Structure formats: C-alpha cells, structure tokens
Amino acid sequence: MTDCLFCKIVAREIPADIVLETERALAFRDVNPQAPTHVLVVPKSHHANAAALAQADDGLADDVLKACHDVALQEGVSESGYRVVFNTGVGAGQTVFHVHAHVLGGRGLTWPPG
C-alpha cells in the first residue's frame, strides 16, 4: 500500500529505530512509548489487522509472535514479564491499519488495560 506508514517504514522510506528484523517481520520502537520497552512488531507484508493476519499465509502470525518474543529477550524483559497487544479495529484503538503487535515491558502492567 503506497500510503501506509508501516509499509513505508518496512521499505525504509521513513526512518525508524529498528531493533529487530527477520525474513518476514520488522520491529521498531514506538514513537510514543507507554512503557520503558515499547516496540512495534509488524509483518513486512501488508495486512490490515490481526484478523487479516490470522487468515494470511501459513505461519506468518507465528513468525510475528516469535519476533515479539525475540524482542522481549533482546530488550531484557522476558524474565520480568511483558505484554503483547494487537489492537484490531477503531473501537479497540487501532490507528494504523497495518497489523502490528505492541511489545510492552520494563514496568508493572496493570489489568485490565486502558
């Protein structure tokens, strides 16, 4: 998609603080962090939301989730705990319609969120 912010980041047309890259996923720091660790993990291919990702080719959702865990390991929050959040749809707070996982950690995270 030519007007998708995250597609432009994947294509390196817009700069981002990239922390991890795999064959099918890219992870970069959120520009408005809500925790000491707040990294977004996106598939390199465009899918609008988590529902579309779940219906994508075999294994893509798994690759994105593995990248989330790799980010947690790399950021040093895998032992203390971290949260992975997919917002799907406007009512859930999705503002960029390229599926992305928020990896949050580095502080206590309360429940329920928001």
Protein backbone atom coordinates (compact mmCIF):
# COMPACT_ATOMS: atom_id res chain seq x y z
CA MET A 1 0.00 0.00 0.00
CA THR A 2 1.52 3.29 -1.05
CA ASP A 3 0.06 5.40 1.76
CA CYS A 4 0.65 3.00 4.66
CA LEU A 5 3.01 4.39 7.31
CA PHE A 6 4.31 0.96 8.33
CA CYS A 7 4.77 -0.19 4.72
CA LYS A 8 6.92 2.91 4.24
CA ILE A 9 8.96 2.02 7.34
CA VAL A 10 9.42 -1.55 6.05
CA ALA A 11 10.55 -0.10 2.69
CA ARG A 12 12.94 2.24 4.55
CA GLU A 13 11.20 5.29 3.07
CA ILE A 14 10.53 6.62 6.58
CA PRO A 15 13.17 6.30 9.31
CA ALA A 16 12.52 4.25 12.42
CA ASP A 17 14.57 2.96 15.34
CA ILE A 18 14.69 -0.65 14.16
CA VAL A 19 15.56 -3.16 16.87
CA LEU A 20 14.98 -6.49 15.08
CA GLU A 21 14.47 -7.76 11.57
CA THR A 22 13.61 -11.24 10.37
CA GLU A 23 12.76 -12.54 6.93
CA ARG A 24 9.07 -11.70 7.40
CA ALA A 25 8.87 -9.22 10.31
CA LEU A 26 10.30 -5.88 11.37
CA ALA A 27 10.40 -4.46 14.91
CA PHE A 28 10.95 -0.82 15.80
CA ARG A 29 10.48 1.45 18.80
CA ASP A 30 7.13 3.18 19.24
CA VAL A 31 7.43 6.96 18.82
CA ASN A 32 5.02 7.44 21.75
CA PRO A 33 6.15 4.79 24.25
CA GLN A 34 3.76 3.74 27.00
CA ALA A 35 6.39 1.70 28.88
CA PRO A 36 10.20 1.65 29.13
CA THR A 37 10.11 -1.07 26.46
CA HIS A 38 7.53 -0.33 23.78
CA VAL A 39 8.34 -1.91 20.45
CA LEU A 40 6.05 -2.45 17.48
CA VAL A 41 6.38 -5.68 15.51
CA VAL A 42 4.89 -5.73 12.00
CA PRO A 43 4.81 -8.28 9.24
CA LYS A 44 6.68 -6.97 6.20
CA SER A 45 3.66 -7.77 4.05
CA HIS A 46 0.61 -5.57 4.48
CA HIS A 47 -2.36 -6.98 6.42
CA ALA A 48 -4.88 -4.53 7.86
CA ASN A 49 -5.40 -6.11 11.30
CA ALA A 50 -4.99 -9.23 13.43
CA ALA A 51 -7.99 -10.90 11.79
CA ALA A 52 -6.38 -10.48 8.36
CA LEU A 53 -3.05 -11.71 9.75
CA ALA A 54 -4.74 -14.84 11.10
CA GLN A 55 -6.06 -15.59 7.61
CA ALA A 56 -2.73 -14.88 5.88
CA ASP A 57 -0.38 -17.45 4.52
CA ASP A 58 0.63 -20.32 6.74
CA GLY A 59 2.94 -19.37 9.57
CA LEU A 60 3.02 -15.57 9.24
CA ALA A 61 1.20 -14.93 12.52
CA ASP A 62 3.57 -17.40 14.18
CA ASP A 63 6.59 -15.55 12.73
CA VAL A 64 5.29 -12.24 14.09
CA LEU A 65 4.70 -13.73 17.54
CA LYS A 66 8.17 -15.30 17.56
CA ALA A 67 9.62 -11.89 16.66
CA CYS A 68 7.72 -10.41 19.63
CA HIS A 69 9.39 -12.91 21.95
CA ASP A 70 12.79 -12.25 20.37
CA VAL A 71 12.28 -8.53 21.03
CA ALA A 72 11.43 -9.28 24.68
CA LEU A 73 14.60 -11.36 25.01
CA GLN A 74 16.73 -8.69 23.35
CA GLU A 75 15.20 -5.89 25.43
CA GLY A 76 15.73 -7.82 28.68
CA VAL A 77 12.07 -8.07 29.70
CA SER A 78 11.40 -11.74 29.02
CA GLU A 79 12.07 -12.80 32.62
CA SER A 80 10.30 -9.93 34.40
CA GLY A 81 7.29 -10.12 32.09
CA TYR A 82 5.98 -8.40 29.01
CA ARG A 83 2.70 -7.88 27.23
CA VAL A 84 1.89 -8.37 23.55
CA VAL A 85 -1.13 -6.39 22.32
CA PHE A 86 -2.85 -6.36 18.93
CA ASN A 87 -5.48 -3.64 18.57
CA THR A 88 -7.96 -4.68 15.88
CA GLY A 89 -10.36 -2.01 14.64
CA VAL A 90 -11.11 1.57 15.58
CA GLY A 91 -13.08 0.55 18.69
CA ALA A 92 -10.01 -1.22 20.05
CA GLY A 93 -7.76 1.77 19.44
CA GLN A 94 -6.13 0.74 16.16
CA THR A 95 -4.87 3.90 14.44
CA VAL A 96 -2.52 2.47 11.79
CA PHE A 97 -4.21 -0.14 9.65
CA HIS A 98 -1.20 -2.35 9.10
CA VAL A 99 -1.34 -5.07 11.74
CA HIS A 100 1.19 -4.52 14.49
CA ALA A 101 1.92 -6.04 17.86
CA HIS A 102 2.88 -3.79 20.76
CA VAL A 103 5.56 -5.40 22.94
CA LEU A 104 5.41 -3.64 26.31
CA GLY A 105 7.58 -4.22 29.36
CA GLY A 106 10.02 -2.77 31.81
CA ARG A 107 7.38 -1.72 34.37
CA GLY A 108 4.37 -3.21 36.10
CA LEU A 109 1.45 -3.53 33.72
CA THR A 110 -1.98 -3.39 35.34
CA TRP A 111 -5.08 -5.32 34.35
CA PRO A 112 -7.45 -4.54 32.87
CA PRO A 113 -5.59 -2.24 30.46
CA GLY A 114 -6.88 1.14 29.27
